[in-house]
Protein backbone atom coordinates (compact mmCIF):
# COMPACT_ATOMS: atom_id res chain seq x y z
CA MET A 1 -5.88 -36.81 34.29
CA THR A 2 -8.32 -37.12 37.18
CA ASP A 3 -7.48 -37.35 40.87
CA THR A 4 -9.26 -40.68 41.38
CA GLY A 5 -8.76 -44.13 39.91
CA PRO A 6 -6.30 -46.99 40.10
CA HIS A 7 -3.24 -44.74 39.54
CA PHE A 8 -4.13 -42.17 42.22
CA GLU A 9 -1.12 -43.04 44.43
CA LEU A 10 1.26 -42.96 41.49
CA ARG A 11 0.04 -39.44 40.53
CA GLN A 12 0.37 -38.20 44.01
CA GLY A 13 3.90 -39.50 44.32
CA VAL A 14 5.04 -37.82 41.30
CA ARG A 15 3.38 -34.57 42.31
CA ARG A 16 5.12 -34.62 45.58
CA ILE A 17 8.54 -34.63 43.96
CA CYS A 18 7.57 -32.18 41.28
CA ALA A 19 6.43 -29.74 43.93
CA ASP A 20 10.07 -29.14 44.92
CA PHE A 21 10.83 -27.87 41.42
CA PRO A 22 8.69 -24.81 40.74
CA ASP A 23 8.41 -22.66 37.59
CA GLU A 24 11.46 -20.56 38.63
CA TYR A 25 13.59 -23.77 38.50
CA TRP A 26 12.43 -24.53 34.99
CA ARG A 27 12.82 -20.97 33.76
CA ARG A 28 16.39 -21.00 35.07
CA CYS A 29 17.26 -24.37 33.39
CA GLU A 30 15.78 -23.12 30.15
CA ALA A 31 17.57 -19.82 30.18
CA ASP A 32 20.89 -21.27 31.23
CA HIS A 33 20.67 -24.36 28.93
CA ALA A 34 21.40 -26.37 32.09
CA PHE A 35 20.48 -30.04 32.40
CA PRO A 36 18.05 -30.44 35.43
CA TRP A 37 20.37 -32.53 37.51
CA ALA A 38 18.66 -31.98 40.85
CA PHE A 39 15.34 -32.98 39.42
CA TYR A 40 16.80 -35.98 37.61
CA GLU A 41 18.50 -37.26 40.75
CA ALA A 42 15.32 -36.83 42.77
CA PHE A 43 13.44 -39.05 40.43
CA ALA A 44 16.19 -41.55 40.24
CA ASP A 45 16.47 -41.71 44.05
CA ALA A 46 12.76 -42.34 44.14
CA GLY A 47 13.01 -45.24 41.66
CA TRP A 48 10.89 -43.54 39.00
CA VAL A 49 13.61 -43.56 36.26
CA GLY A 50 13.34 -47.37 35.94
CA VAL A 51 9.62 -47.60 36.24
CA ALA A 52 9.17 -49.74 33.06
CA ILE A 53 12.34 -51.91 33.53
CA PRO A 54 11.79 -55.40 34.83
CA ALA A 55 12.01 -55.79 38.62
CA GLU A 56 14.67 -58.54 38.28
CA PHE A 57 16.98 -55.74 36.85
CA GLY A 58 16.26 -53.25 39.62
CA GLY A 59 13.35 -51.49 37.94
CA GLY A 60 9.67 -50.85 38.87
CA GLY A 61 8.34 -53.68 36.60
CA ALA A 62 5.43 -51.52 35.53
CA GLY A 63 3.96 -51.04 32.05
CA ILE A 64 3.85 -48.22 29.53
CA THR A 65 0.49 -47.22 31.13
CA GLU A 66 2.28 -46.29 34.35
CA ALA A 67 5.13 -44.74 32.52
CA SER A 68 2.84 -42.55 30.55
CA ILE A 69 1.11 -41.34 33.72
CA LEU A 70 4.38 -40.59 35.28
CA LEU A 71 5.43 -38.39 32.25
CA GLU A 72 2.03 -36.80 32.05
CA GLU A 73 2.26 -35.68 35.73
CA ILE A 74 5.76 -34.37 35.27
CA ALA A 75 4.72 -32.30 32.30
CA ALA A 76 1.58 -31.12 34.02
CA SER A 77 3.68 -29.79 36.97
CA GLY A 78 5.12 -27.00 34.56
CA ALA A 79 8.32 -29.11 33.99
CA CYS A 80 7.00 -29.88 30.49
CA LEU A 81 9.43 -31.38 28.07
CA ASN A 82 12.57 -30.13 29.92
CA GLY A 83 11.52 -32.38 32.74
CA CYS A 84 10.19 -35.24 30.73
CA SER A 85 13.07 -35.42 28.32
CA ALA A 86 15.52 -35.63 31.25
CA ILE A 87 14.16 -39.17 32.04
CA HIS A 88 12.03 -40.48 29.23
CA LEU A 89 14.75 -42.00 27.20
CA SER A 90 15.50 -44.16 30.19
CA VAL A 91 11.97 -45.10 30.41
CA PHE A 92 11.24 -46.07 26.76
CA GLY A 93 14.58 -46.05 24.95
CA MET A 94 15.83 -49.22 26.49
CA ASN A 95 12.71 -51.26 25.65
CA PRO A 96 14.37 -52.97 22.67
CA VAL A 97 17.11 -54.13 25.14
CA VAL A 98 14.47 -55.39 27.49
CA LYS A 99 12.81 -57.43 24.68
CA HIS A 100 15.73 -58.40 22.51
CA GLY A 101 19.02 -57.91 24.42
CA SER A 102 21.08 -60.82 25.49
CA ASP A 103 21.12 -61.98 29.11
CA TRP A 104 24.57 -60.39 29.49
CA MET A 105 23.40 -57.08 27.98
CA LYS A 106 20.31 -56.88 30.26
CA ALA A 107 22.26 -57.74 33.41
CA THR A 108 25.01 -55.30 32.57
CA TYR A 109 23.00 -52.21 31.56
CA LEU A 110 19.44 -52.34 32.76
CA PRO A 111 20.32 -52.02 36.49
CA ARG A 112 22.36 -49.01 35.79
CA VAL A 113 19.60 -47.42 33.81
CA ALA A 114 17.01 -48.19 36.50
CA SER A 115 19.21 -46.51 39.23
CA GLY A 116 19.78 -43.43 37.11
CA GLU A 117 23.48 -44.02 36.73
CA LEU A 118 23.56 -44.79 32.93
CA HIS A 119 22.36 -42.14 30.46
CA VAL A 120 21.33 -43.40 26.99
CA SER A 121 20.63 -41.44 23.87
CA PHE A 122 18.75 -42.52 20.78
CA GLY A 123 20.46 -42.63 17.39
CA VAL A 124 18.12 -43.12 14.55
CA THR A 125 17.37 -39.90 12.61
CA GLU A 126 19.98 -38.65 10.08
CA PRO A 127 20.44 -35.30 8.44
CA ASP A 128 19.70 -36.62 4.95
CA ALA A 129 17.22 -39.39 5.67
CA GLY A 130 14.95 -37.72 8.27
CA THR A 131 11.99 -39.87 8.92
CA ASP A 132 12.85 -42.12 6.00
CA THR A 133 14.45 -44.56 8.31
CA THR A 134 15.11 -47.34 5.69
CA ASN A 135 17.23 -44.84 3.81
CA ILE A 136 19.82 -44.23 6.55
CA SER A 137 23.44 -44.23 5.44
CA THR A 138 25.26 -44.84 8.69
CA ARG A 139 27.08 -48.15 8.15
CA ALA A 140 28.51 -50.58 10.58
CA THR A 141 31.13 -52.85 8.99
CA LYS A 142 32.03 -56.17 10.46
CA VAL A 143 35.61 -56.39 11.95
CA GLU A 144 37.14 -58.86 14.44
CA GLY A 145 35.24 -58.85 17.65
CA GLY A 146 32.66 -56.29 16.52
CA TYR A 147 31.79 -53.51 14.01
CA ARG A 148 33.22 -50.15 12.98
CA VAL A 149 30.63 -47.48 12.54
CA ARG A 150 30.69 -44.51 10.22
CA GLY A 151 28.03 -41.93 9.64
CA ARG A 152 26.01 -39.19 11.28
CA LYS A 153 22.92 -38.99 13.46
CA ILE A 154 20.93 -35.85 14.35
CA TRP A 155 18.56 -34.72 17.21
CA ASN A 156 20.18 -37.14 19.72
CA SER A 157 18.71 -36.03 22.96
CA LYS A 158 21.14 -36.12 25.81
CA GLY A 159 23.92 -36.94 23.49
CA ASP A 160 26.33 -34.68 25.36
CA ILE A 161 25.92 -36.54 28.64
CA ALA A 162 25.01 -40.03 27.44
CA GLU A 163 27.43 -42.92 28.05
CA LYS A 164 25.69 -45.15 25.55
CA CYS A 165 23.62 -44.67 22.41
CA LEU A 166 21.01 -47.11 21.04
CA LEU A 167 22.12 -46.82 17.44
CA LEU A 168 20.51 -48.03 14.28
CA ALA A 169 22.95 -48.58 11.47
CA ARG A 170 22.99 -50.55 8.17
CA THR A 171 25.02 -53.80 8.28
CA THR A 172 23.86 -54.69 4.74
CA PRO A 173 23.56 -52.05 1.94
CA LEU A 174 20.13 -51.08 0.98
CA ALA A 175 20.77 -52.26 -2.60
CA ASP A 176 21.57 -55.78 -1.31
CA VAL A 177 18.36 -56.44 0.58
CA SER A 178 15.01 -57.59 -0.66
CA LYS A 179 13.02 -55.49 1.78
CA ARG A 180 13.93 -51.99 2.66
CA THR A 181 13.52 -52.69 6.35
CA ASP A 182 16.08 -55.52 6.25
CA GLY A 183 19.80 -55.14 6.78
CA MET A 184 19.70 -52.71 9.61
CA THR A 185 21.09 -53.64 13.17
CA LEU A 186 20.70 -52.07 16.63
CA PHE A 187 23.75 -51.45 18.76
CA LEU A 188 24.41 -50.09 22.21
CA ILE A 189 27.57 -48.05 21.33
CA ASP A 190 29.91 -46.15 23.64
CA MET A 191 29.63 -42.46 23.32
CA LYS A 192 32.65 -41.18 25.32
CA VAL A 193 35.30 -42.18 22.75
CA PRO A 194 37.50 -40.15 20.43
CA GLU A 195 35.99 -41.44 17.27
CA ILE A 196 32.61 -39.86 18.11
CA GLY A 197 31.98 -36.09 17.70
CA ILE A 198 29.12 -34.45 19.44
CA GLU A 199 27.86 -30.93 18.62
CA PRO A 200 24.83 -29.30 20.31
CA ILE A 201 22.05 -27.87 17.99
CA PRO A 202 20.74 -24.40 18.79
CA LYS A 203 17.00 -24.52 18.91
CA LEU A 204 13.77 -22.84 19.79
CA GLY A 205 12.95 -24.49 23.03
CA ARG A 206 13.45 -27.42 25.41
CA ASN A 207 16.93 -26.04 26.03
CA ALA A 208 17.65 -27.70 29.35
CA VAL A 209 18.06 -30.96 27.50
CA THR A 210 20.56 -30.81 24.65
CA SER A 211 19.80 -32.09 21.13
CA CYS A 212 22.97 -33.02 19.28
CA GLU A 213 24.43 -33.91 15.94
CA VAL A 214 26.63 -36.92 16.40
CA SER A 215 29.33 -38.16 13.96
CA PHE A 216 30.84 -41.58 14.03
CA ASP A 217 34.32 -41.87 12.52
CA ASP A 218 35.10 -45.67 12.52
CA ALA A 219 33.77 -45.97 16.12
CA PHE A 220 34.06 -49.50 17.45
CA VAL A 221 31.17 -51.41 18.95
CA SER A 222 31.69 -54.96 20.24
CA ASP A 223 29.69 -58.03 19.18
CA ALA A 224 28.44 -58.12 22.83
CA ASP A 225 26.69 -54.76 22.24
CA VAL A 226 24.59 -55.96 19.34
CA VAL A 227 20.95 -55.68 20.29
CA GLY A 228 18.97 -58.69 19.20
CA GLU A 229 19.61 -60.28 15.70
CA VAL A 230 21.98 -58.72 13.15
CA GLY A 231 19.97 -57.35 10.19
CA ARG A 232 16.62 -57.13 11.99
CA GLY A 233 17.16 -53.92 13.85
CA PHE A 234 14.29 -52.09 12.34
CA LYS A 235 11.77 -54.65 13.49
CA GLN A 236 13.31 -54.60 17.02
CA LEU A 237 13.29 -50.81 17.03
CA ILE A 238 9.49 -50.81 16.71
CA ASP A 239 9.47 -52.01 20.37
CA GLY A 240 10.86 -48.59 21.23
CA LEU A 241 8.87 -46.58 18.72
CA ASN A 242 5.37 -47.37 19.79
CA PRO A 243 6.05 -46.65 23.36
CA GLU A 244 7.70 -43.46 22.31
CA ARG A 245 4.64 -42.34 20.58
CA ILE A 246 2.50 -43.15 23.61
CA LEU A 247 4.75 -41.42 26.04
CA LEU A 248 5.19 -38.29 23.95
CA ALA A 249 1.42 -38.15 23.72
CA ALA A 250 1.33 -38.28 27.48
CA GLU A 251 3.79 -35.53 27.79
CA ALA A 252 1.68 -33.39 25.36
CA LEU A 253 -1.31 -34.10 27.49
CA GLY A 254 0.44 -32.83 30.56
CA ILE A 255 1.58 -29.65 28.82
CA GLY A 256 -2.03 -29.03 27.62
CA ARG A 257 -3.31 -29.60 31.22
CA VAL A 258 -0.97 -27.06 32.83
CA ALA A 259 -1.63 -24.55 30.00
CA VAL A 260 -5.35 -24.71 30.60
CA GLN A 261 -4.98 -24.63 34.34
CA ARG A 262 -2.85 -21.50 34.25
CA ALA A 263 -5.12 -19.78 31.67
CA VAL A 264 -8.24 -20.63 33.81
CA ALA A 265 -6.63 -19.09 36.88
CA TYR A 266 -5.55 -16.01 35.07
CA ALA A 267 -9.12 -15.69 33.44
CA ASN A 268 -10.60 -15.78 36.97
CA ASP A 269 -8.34 -13.22 38.45
CA ARG A 270 -7.65 -10.74 35.68
CA VAL A 271 -10.33 -7.94 35.81
CA VAL A 272 -10.81 -5.80 32.83
CA PHE A 273 -13.78 -3.34 32.31
CA GLY A 274 -14.96 -4.24 35.87
CA ARG A 275 -15.33 -7.92 35.30
CA PRO A 276 -13.12 -11.11 35.24
CA ILE A 277 -12.10 -11.83 31.60
CA GLY A 278 -13.24 -15.36 32.14
CA LYS A 279 -16.89 -14.16 31.93
CA ASN A 280 -16.31 -13.49 28.29
CA GLN A 281 -17.16 -16.31 26.01
CA GLY A 282 -14.32 -15.28 23.76
CA ILE A 283 -12.08 -16.45 26.61
CA SER A 284 -14.11 -19.27 28.20
CA PHE A 285 -15.18 -21.08 25.06
CA PRO A 286 -11.70 -21.74 23.67
CA LEU A 287 -10.50 -22.97 27.05
CA ALA A 288 -13.59 -25.27 27.35
CA ASP A 289 -12.95 -26.61 23.90
CA ALA A 290 -9.30 -27.16 24.69
CA HIS A 291 -10.21 -29.10 27.91
CA MET A 292 -12.47 -31.46 25.98
CA ARG A 293 -9.93 -32.08 23.17
CA LEU A 294 -7.31 -32.99 25.88
CA ARG A 295 -9.80 -35.39 27.53
CA ALA A 296 -10.44 -37.08 24.18
CA ALA A 297 -6.74 -37.42 23.55
CA GLU A 298 -6.31 -38.92 26.96
CA MET A 299 -8.72 -41.70 26.14
CA MET A 300 -6.74 -42.61 23.09
CA ILE A 301 -3.51 -42.57 25.12
CA ARG A 302 -5.01 -44.93 27.68
CA GLU A 303 -6.22 -47.39 24.87
CA ALA A 304 -2.89 -47.36 23.26
CA SER A 305 -0.86 -48.02 26.44
CA ALA A 306 -3.30 -50.80 27.51
CA ARG A 307 -2.96 -52.56 24.24
CA TYR A 308 0.82 -52.32 24.26
CA ASP A 309 1.04 -53.66 27.81
CA ALA A 310 -1.30 -56.56 26.85
CA GLY A 311 0.96 -57.46 23.96
CA LEU A 312 -1.63 -56.41 21.41
CA PRO A 313 -0.96 -54.56 18.09
CA CYS A 314 -1.14 -50.82 18.78
CA GLY A 315 0.33 -48.94 15.86
CA GLU A 316 -2.91 -47.29 15.00
CA GLU A 317 -3.62 -46.37 18.64
CA ALA A 318 -0.08 -45.13 19.40
CA ASN A 319 0.16 -43.01 16.31
CA SER A 320 -3.40 -41.67 16.77
CA ALA A 321 -2.71 -40.84 20.41
CA LYS A 322 0.47 -38.88 19.47
CA TYR A 323 -1.37 -37.05 16.72
CA LEU A 324 -4.44 -36.07 18.78
CA ALA A 325 -2.49 -35.19 21.95
CA ALA A 326 -0.02 -33.08 20.03
CA ASP A 327 -2.71 -31.06 18.36
CA ALA A 328 -4.68 -30.63 21.52
CA ALA A 329 -1.72 -29.56 23.54
CA PHE A 330 -0.66 -27.00 21.01
CA GLN A 331 -4.23 -25.60 20.86
CA ALA A 332 -4.36 -25.43 24.59
CA ALA A 333 -1.03 -23.58 24.87
CA ASP A 334 -1.93 -21.17 22.13
CA HIS A 335 -5.25 -20.34 23.86
CA ALA A 336 -3.40 -19.83 27.05
CA ILE A 337 -1.19 -17.20 25.48
CA GLN A 338 -4.26 -15.55 23.96
CA THR A 339 -5.92 -15.60 27.40
CA TYR A 340 -2.93 -13.76 28.92
CA GLY A 341 -2.80 -11.32 26.02
CA GLY A 342 0.46 -9.33 25.90
CA MET A 343 1.63 -10.96 29.17
CA GLY A 344 1.41 -14.37 27.63
CA TYR A 345 4.56 -13.36 25.63
CA ALA A 346 6.53 -12.74 28.77
CA THR A 347 8.72 -15.50 30.10
CA GLU A 348 7.76 -14.81 33.77
CA TYR A 349 4.26 -16.30 33.08
CA ASP A 350 5.55 -19.52 31.59
CA VAL A 351 2.80 -20.08 28.97
CA GLU A 352 5.15 -19.12 26.16
CA ARG A 353 7.39 -21.84 27.29
CA TYR A 354 4.50 -24.34 27.26
CA TRP A 355 3.59 -23.10 23.72
CA ARG A 356 7.16 -23.60 22.41
CA GLU A 357 7.43 -27.10 23.87
CA ALA A 358 3.96 -28.12 22.75
CA ARG A 359 4.90 -27.03 19.20
CA LEU A 360 7.81 -29.52 19.16
CA ILE A 361 5.58 -32.53 19.70
CA ARG A 362 3.72 -31.75 16.37
CA ILE A 363 7.01 -32.55 14.54
CA ALA A 364 8.87 -34.96 16.78
CA PRO A 365 9.42 -37.78 17.15
CA ILE A 366 7.34 -38.10 13.91
CA SER A 367 5.48 -35.32 12.19
CA GLN A 368 1.67 -35.10 12.06
CA GLU A 369 1.81 -35.62 8.31
CA MET A 370 3.71 -38.99 8.71
CA VAL A 371 1.04 -40.11 11.19
CA LEU A 372 -1.58 -39.28 8.63
CA ASN A 373 0.44 -41.30 6.06
CA TYR A 374 0.51 -44.26 8.41
CA VAL A 375 -3.19 -44.30 9.19
CA ALA A 376 -4.18 -43.71 5.53
CA GLU A 377 -1.97 -46.72 4.36
CA HIS A 378 -2.10 -49.16 7.25
CA VAL A 379 -5.44 -48.53 8.73
CA LEU A 380 -7.55 -47.37 5.82
CA GLY A 381 -5.80 -49.42 3.09
CA LEU A 382 -5.17 -46.49 0.82
CA PRO A 383 -2.18 -46.61 -1.60
CA ARG A 384 1.22 -45.67 -0.09
CA SER A 385 1.94 -41.94 -0.72
CA TYR A 386 5.54 -41.61 0.02
């Protein structure tokens, strides 16, 4: 968040690219529901899309710490989730492949992800299961040379443009496993086939990046596209979920930063009753409070990413970072709208867009309530409540 420190050059490099994509660009992408191709290609050409992919596969070889700073700065430029969501699945979504994929899978797909050529979506959530991941009903049935997949997924970001989907499906029925987390397998399934139907979901915000409902009607996936060990997909998925929590927290931090910056500038410039409105404590105190909450969330993000990069357990830290940053960002965006008053409701000032996108992070990729469930059970040792 600061302009000094070991990642100063990384922040400056990201800011230089983002400077070519002002607020007007993001307003237009949002209004037109248009994927930000020029932005995506600029970051792919600069090598940022593959920042966390190992160097041997054409990536930057950096950690989740660097990836989190990359996405924080993108969000803080005013691109917010529309900018981050264009690339973040390439940053964290393939982490299970990096850790568990075969040598062939890594050599085949990772260089294409790092170059920006290959788009991947994330197929975990289902209409009926929601965050109850062990209760998914999408089934992969073994056939010669691979599997046939039947079922539905929902909220697949970039499902309409993705060539592949990192898909979690049951290969053993829930009734036949001793642990609910057993019997699920990860696949990299082809998306551009007739057996897969893709429908965009109309939604409140982040409309430059489509969220889709995806149906699988006996879609084939080859044995070569199984990620890791059959039946252990849930455990392998965790290598994507903790980075996802950390990176979404960083994106929330960036949204909160730009919201506070815009509100402070407006509060200094807007004169009412002969004085800048920023002189009024009713304006200045909420913004000061928002700033401090964002800084506190930033510290948890840094701890979580440092632990992940060091190979240490980080479930508590990753979930806490997401929880704290999501609340801090939404509060900051809400105060920004209040600072602008009626003009905060107008799209030309952008803070309403920040508010809509910050609201999303309080329910996705996991709700605040599910984070509280996790901390209560796994950190405090309280009885499971769900």
